[in-house]
Amino acid sequence: MTLQLLTKALTGAKLACEEIGIPQLVEMLRHPSEVMYTTALYVLNQLLWHLPNYSRPEFRHCNGQLNLIYLLEANRLNDSNWLLICLDTLRMA
C-alpha cells in the first residue's frame, strides 16, 4: 500500500521507476500472489500517467500489454474497479 501511495505523486513515481524498474513491475503482473500483481498494476498505471514518454516505450518493450491481458480473467470481469484500472493502463500503454 505504501508503494501505491508513493506513486500517486510525480516525485514518487520517478523514484519507483528508478528503484524498481518497469521490467520488474511487468514481470510482477504474472506473480501468483494477488497482492503482488495488484500492486504492480497500480504502480504501472501511475508510471504511465506521470512519466508517459519514458514508461510507455519501456512497458511495450517488456510486453506489458500481453501481461495485462492475462489479468482480465473471467472471475474478475464483474469487478468494475478492476476492469477500470486494467483498461486504463492498457489505454495509456
Foldseek 3Di string as FASTA:
>chain_A
DVLLVQLQDLVSLVVCCVPQNLLNLLVQLPDPDPVRNVSSLSSLLSNLVNPVVPSVVRCVVNVSLVSLVVVPDPVCVVPPVSVVSSVSSVVSD
